[in-house]
Amino acid sequence: MTTALRPMRLADLDAVVPLEQELFAGDPPWSAEQFRSELAGVPDTRWYVVAEAGGELVGYAGLQAPALPGDPADVMTIAVAPAHQRGGVGTLLMAALETEARRRGAGELLLEVRADNEPAKTFYARHGFERIAVRRKYYGGGRDGLVLRKRLRTSAETER
């Protein structure tokens, strides 16, 4: 089954919010209002996509763009429906986030992940992220968060 990406729309929240609640129940999950706020953000600062397969929303991801060229971009969220995990959807979403971050001139891509989320940490390591900081008791239940970074090469650096 082919998976396609497209920009997230407000109408997608009917599928995104329940998936968010399922996947991030203990973190706590983002509310519909938080997603609405992100989607209403200035297009220069936010970028959200959904992944669809067979007419079904199977994942989503969001990026906060860098303020200035060379600044970091932040992965705000990335999620894949359980039935579609480990099938390449997450990689497709991460590649889209990285491409958009590069297009917007980001020097690096940052994200946060729960320190006890081994599958996510493995996924991010496979995609070139490294741990740069720990945020003690950042998540619910006193769980630590890890700040991860992937340095991005600009097209000028690649041409050298």
C-alpha atoms as a PDB file:
ATOM      1  CA  MET A   1       0.000   0.000   0.000  1.00  0.00           C
ATOM      2  CA  THR A   2       1.361   3.404  -0.989  1.00  0.00           C
ATOM      3  CA  THR A   3       1.706   6.111   1.642  1.00  0.00           C
ATOM      4  CA  ALA A   4       1.400   9.734   0.583  1.00  0.00           C
ATOM      5  CA  LEU A   5       2.110  12.932   2.493  1.00  0.00           C
ATOM      6  CA  ARG A   6       0.072  16.123   2.321  1.00  0.00           C
ATOM      7  CA  PRO A   7      -0.315  19.265   4.436  1.00  0.00           C
ATOM      8  CA  MET A   8      -2.327  18.804   7.633  1.00  0.00           C
ATOM      9  CA  ARG A   9      -5.721  20.541   7.619  1.00  0.00           C
ATOM     10  CA  LEU A  10      -8.126  21.380  10.428  1.00  0.00           C
ATOM     11  CA  ALA A  11     -10.455  18.631   9.163  1.00  0.00           C
ATOM     12  CA  ASP A  12      -7.675  16.096   9.892  1.00  0.00           C
ATOM     13  CA  LEU A  13      -7.963  16.737  13.630  1.00  0.00           C
ATOM     14  CA  ASP A  14     -10.901  14.299  13.799  1.00  0.00           C
ATOM     15  CA  ALA A  15      -8.353  11.539  13.080  1.00  0.00           C
ATOM     16  CA  VAL A  16      -5.201  13.147  14.515  1.00  0.00           C
ATOM     17  CA  VAL A  17      -6.503  13.834  18.040  1.00  0.00           C
ATOM     18  CA  PRO A  18      -7.699  10.256  18.773  1.00  0.00           C
ATOM     19  CA  LEU A  19      -4.404   8.907  17.443  1.00  0.00           C
ATOM     20  CA  GLU A  20      -2.527  11.417  19.609  1.00  0.00           C
ATOM     21  CA  GLN A  21      -4.519  10.277  22.659  1.00  0.00           C
ATOM     22  CA  GLU A  22      -3.811   6.626  21.887  1.00  0.00           C
ATOM     23  CA  LEU A  23      -0.081   7.064  21.351  1.00  0.00           C
ATOM     24  CA  PHE A  24       0.757   9.681  23.977  1.00  0.00           C
ATOM     25  CA  ALA A  25      -1.750   9.000  26.754  1.00  0.00           C
ATOM     26  CA  GLY A  26       0.833   9.282  29.529  1.00  0.00           C
ATOM     27  CA  ASP A  27       2.738  12.352  28.303  1.00  0.00           C
ATOM     28  CA  PRO A  28      -0.041  14.062  28.194  1.00  0.00           C
ATOM     29  CA  PRO A  29      -1.318  14.155  24.597  1.00  0.00           C
ATOM     30  CA  TRP A  30      -1.901  17.373  22.703  1.00  0.00           C
ATOM     31  CA  SER A  31      -5.482  18.618  22.645  1.00  0.00           C
ATOM     32  CA  ALA A  32      -7.437  19.600  19.555  1.00  0.00           C
ATOM     33  CA  GLU A  33      -6.954  23.209  20.641  1.00  0.00           C
ATOM     34  CA  GLN A  34      -3.175  22.801  20.734  1.00  0.00           C
ATOM     35  CA  PHE A  35      -3.203  21.390  17.208  1.00  0.00           C
ATOM     36  CA  ARG A  36      -5.509  24.204  16.055  1.00  0.00           C
ATOM     37  CA  SER A  37      -3.099  26.728  17.533  1.00  0.00           C
ATOM     38  CA  GLU A  38      -0.159  25.107  15.751  1.00  0.00           C
ATOM     39  CA  LEU A  39      -2.013  25.007  12.427  1.00  0.00           C
ATOM     40  CA  ALA A  40      -3.030  28.645  12.850  1.00  0.00           C
ATOM     41  CA  GLY A  41       0.600  29.595  13.452  1.00  0.00           C
ATOM     42  CA  VAL A  42       2.282  31.768  10.899  1.00  0.00           C
ATOM     43  CA  PRO A  43       3.214  29.517   7.936  1.00  0.00           C
ATOM     44  CA  ASP A  44       6.732  30.901   8.206  1.00  0.00           C
ATOM     45  CA  THR A  45       7.101  29.283  11.636  1.00  0.00           C
ATOM     46  CA  ARG A  46       5.168  25.989  11.461  1.00  0.00           C
ATOM     47  CA  TRP A  47       4.831  23.097   8.994  1.00  0.00           C
ATOM     48  CA  TYR A  48       2.569  20.062   9.563  1.00  0.00           C
ATOM     49  CA  VAL A  49       1.915  17.045   7.344  1.00  0.00           C
ATOM     50  CA  VAL A  50      -0.160  13.888   7.502  1.00  0.00           C
ATOM     51  CA  ALA A  51       0.563  10.474   6.011  1.00  0.00           C
ATOM     52  CA  GLU A  52      -2.288   8.666   4.294  1.00  0.00           C
ATOM     53  CA  ALA A  53      -2.479   5.072   3.104  1.00  0.00           C
ATOM     54  CA  GLY A  54      -5.570   3.596   1.507  1.00  0.00           C
ATOM     55  CA  GLY A  55      -7.557   6.737   2.314  1.00  0.00           C
ATOM     56  CA  GLU A  56      -6.738   6.427   6.022  1.00  0.00           C
ATOM     57  CA  LEU A  57      -4.658   8.860   8.074  1.00  0.00           C
ATOM     58  CA  VAL A  58      -1.786   6.717   9.387  1.00  0.00           C
ATOM     59  CA  GLY A  59       0.608   9.331  10.758  1.00  0.00           C
ATOM     60  CA  TYR A  60       1.459  12.975  11.179  1.00  0.00           C
ATOM     61  CA  ALA A  61       4.408  15.203  11.927  1.00  0.00           C
ATOM     62  CA  GLY A  62       5.136  18.842  12.633  1.00  0.00           C
ATOM     63  CA  LEU A  63       8.061  21.208  12.497  1.00  0.00           C
ATOM     64  CA  GLN A  64       8.858  24.570  14.057  1.00  0.00           C
ATOM     65  CA  ALA A  65      10.998  26.369  11.511  1.00  0.00           C
ATOM     66  CA  PRO A  66      14.256  28.129  12.374  1.00  0.00           C
ATOM     67  CA  ALA A  67      13.982  31.812  13.266  1.00  0.00           C
ATOM     68  CA  LEU A  68      17.017  32.669  11.134  1.00  0.00           C
ATOM     69  CA  PRO A  69      19.068  30.712   8.591  1.00  0.00           C
ATOM     70  CA  GLY A  70      21.458  28.436  10.451  1.00  0.00           C
ATOM     71  CA  ASP A  71      19.268  28.288  13.574  1.00  0.00           C
ATOM     72  CA  PRO A  72      17.813  24.942  14.650  1.00  0.00           C
ATOM     73  CA  ALA A  73      14.401  23.684  13.579  1.00  0.00           C
ATOM     74  CA  ASP A  74      12.378  21.692  16.123  1.00  0.00           C
ATOM     75  CA  VAL A  75      10.437  18.497  15.546  1.00  0.00           C
ATOM     76  CA  MET A  76       7.218  19.364  17.364  1.00  0.00           C
ATOM     77  CA  THR A  77       5.629  15.945  16.911  1.00  0.00           C
ATOM     78  CA  ILE A  78       5.873  12.769  14.879  1.00  0.00           C
ATOM     79  CA  ALA A  79       3.451   9.876  15.227  1.00  0.00           C
ATOM     80  CA  VAL A  80       2.470   6.711  13.376  1.00  0.00           C
ATOM     81  CA  ALA A  81      -0.623   4.592  13.964  1.00  0.00           C
ATOM     82  CA  PRO A  82       0.305   1.312  15.698  1.00  0.00           C
ATOM     83  CA  ALA A  83      -0.832  -0.860  12.780  1.00  0.00           C
ATOM     84  CA  HIS A  84       1.542   1.051  10.482  1.00  0.00           C
ATOM     85  CA  GLN A  85       4.614   1.267  12.716  1.00  0.00           C
ATOM     86  CA  ARG A  86       7.814  -0.307  11.441  1.00  0.00           C
ATOM     87  CA  GLY A  87       6.515  -0.081   7.886  1.00  0.00           C
ATOM     88  CA  GLY A  88       8.404   3.003   6.734  1.00  0.00           C
ATOM     89  CA  VAL A  89       5.788   5.658   7.564  1.00  0.00           C
ATOM     90  CA  GLY A  90       7.915   7.172  10.338  1.00  0.00           C
ATOM     91  CA  THR A  91      10.936   7.293   8.050  1.00  0.00           C
ATOM     92  CA  LEU A  92       8.859   8.994   5.356  1.00  0.00           C
ATOM     93  CA  LEU A  93       7.629  11.590   7.864  1.00  0.00           C
ATOM     94  CA  MET A  94      11.109  12.175   9.313  1.00  0.00           C
ATOM     95  CA  ALA A  95      12.582  12.610   5.830  1.00  0.00           C
ATOM     96  CA  ALA A  96       9.886  15.186   5.047  1.00  0.00           C
ATOM     97  CA  LEU A  97      10.633  17.101   8.255  1.00  0.00           C
ATOM     98  CA  GLU A  98      14.346  17.080   7.504  1.00  0.00           C
ATOM     99  CA  THR A  99      13.807  18.196   3.908  1.00  0.00           C
ATOM    100  CA  GLU A 100      11.584  21.068   5.038  1.00  0.00           C
ATOM    101  CA  ALA A 101      14.070  22.067   7.753  1.00  0.00           C
ATOM    102  CA  ARG A 102      16.849  22.175   5.171  1.00  0.00           C
ATOM    103  CA  ARG A 103      14.647  24.118   2.751  1.00  0.00           C
ATOM    104  CA  ARG A 104      14.101  26.693   5.482  1.00  0.00           C
ATOM    105  CA  GLY A 105      17.832  26.959   6.177  1.00  0.00           C
ATOM    106  CA  ALA A 106      18.031  25.110   9.500  1.00  0.00           C
ATOM    107  CA  GLY A 107      21.511  24.224  10.683  1.00  0.00           C
ATOM    108  CA  GLU A 108      20.253  21.387  12.857  1.00  0.00           C
ATOM    109  CA  LEU A 109      17.124  19.538  13.791  1.00  0.00           C
ATOM    110  CA  LEU A 110      16.197  19.191  17.485  1.00  0.00           C
ATOM    111  CA  LEU A 111      13.617  17.084  19.297  1.00  0.00           C
ATOM    112  CA  GLU A 112      12.692  15.798  22.729  1.00  0.00           C
ATOM    113  CA  VAL A 113      11.867  12.224  23.638  1.00  0.00           C
ATOM    114  CA  ARG A 114      11.076  10.444  26.891  1.00  0.00           C
ATOM    115  CA  ALA A 115      14.212   8.830  28.257  1.00  0.00           C
ATOM    116  CA  ASP A 116      12.324   5.548  28.720  1.00  0.00           C
ATOM    117  CA  ASN A 117      10.949   5.392  25.157  1.00  0.00           C
ATOM    118  CA  GLU A 118      13.383   2.844  23.739  1.00  0.00           C
ATOM    119  CA  PRO A 119      11.642   2.318  20.355  1.00  0.00           C
ATOM    120  CA  ALA A 120      11.637   6.064  19.679  1.00  0.00           C
ATOM    121  CA  LYS A 121      15.257   6.462  20.789  1.00  0.00           C
ATOM    122  CA  THR A 122      16.274   3.626  18.442  1.00  0.00           C
ATOM    123  CA  PHE A 123      14.319   5.231  15.578  1.00  0.00           C
ATOM    124  CA  TYR A 124      15.952   8.624  16.141  1.00  0.00           C
ATOM    125  CA  ALA A 125      19.446   7.142  16.431  1.00  0.00           C
ATOM    126  CA  ARG A 126      18.884   5.308  13.136  1.00  0.00           C
ATOM    127  CA  HIS A 127      18.064   8.691  11.596  1.00  0.00           C
ATOM    128  CA  GLY A 128      21.262  10.333  12.827  1.00  0.00           C
ATOM    129  CA  PHE A 129      20.150  12.006  16.058  1.00  0.00           C
ATOM    130  CA  GLU A 130      22.459  12.190  19.065  1.00  0.00           C
ATOM    131  CA  ARG A 131      21.714  13.054  22.683  1.00  0.00           C
ATOM    132  CA  ILE A 132      22.848  16.522  23.719  1.00  0.00           C
ATOM    133  CA  ALA A 133      20.983  17.140  26.986  1.00  0.00           C
ATOM    134  CA  VAL A 134      18.740  15.630  29.652  1.00  0.00           C
ATOM    135  CA  ARG A 135      15.690  17.437  31.022  1.00  0.00           C
ATOM    136  CA  ARG A 136      15.107  16.013  34.475  1.00  0.00           C
ATOM    137  CA  LYS A 137      11.482  15.186  35.315  1.00  0.00           C
ATOM    138  CA  TYR A 138      10.312  16.847  32.098  1.00  0.00           C
ATOM    139  CA  TYR A 139       7.488  14.371  31.435  1.00  0.00           C
ATOM    140  CA  GLY A 140       4.611  13.222  33.620  1.00  0.00           C
ATOM    141  CA  GLY A 141       5.412  10.796  36.394  1.00  0.00           C
ATOM    142  CA  GLY A 142       8.815  12.401  36.929  1.00  0.00           C
ATOM    143  CA  ARG A 143      10.238  10.852  33.762  1.00  0.00           C
ATOM    144  CA  ASP A 144      13.259  12.486  32.180  1.00  0.00           C
ATOM    145  CA  GLY A 145      13.295  13.882  28.666  1.00  0.00           C
ATOM    146  CA  LEU A 146      16.225  13.714  26.296  1.00  0.00           C
ATOM    147  CA  VAL A 147      17.087  16.487  23.864  1.00  0.00           C
ATOM    148  CA  LEU A 148      18.382  15.026  20.612  1.00  0.00           C
ATOM    149  CA  ARG A 149      20.086  16.773  17.707  1.00  0.00           C
ATOM    150  CA  LYS A 150      20.840  16.038  14.095  1.00  0.00           C
ATOM    151  CA  ARG A 151      23.229  18.402  12.379  1.00  0.00           C
ATOM    152  CA  LEU A 152      22.071  19.314   8.883  1.00  0.00           C
ATOM    153  CA  ARG A 153      24.418  20.080   6.059  1.00  0.00           C
ATOM    154  CA  THR A 154      23.461  22.977   3.882  1.00  0.00           C
ATOM    155  CA  SER A 155      23.681  22.648   0.113  1.00  0.00           C
ATOM    156  CA  ALA A 156      26.803  24.877   0.183  1.00  0.00           C
ATOM    157  CA  GLU A 157      28.527  22.495   2.611  1.00  0.00           C
ATOM    158  CA  THR A 158      27.543  19.481   0.488  1.00  0.00           C
ATOM    159  CA  GLU A 159      29.121  21.059  -2.627  1.00  0.00           C
ATOM    160  CA  ARG A 160      32.541  21.474  -0.937  1.00  0.00           C
END
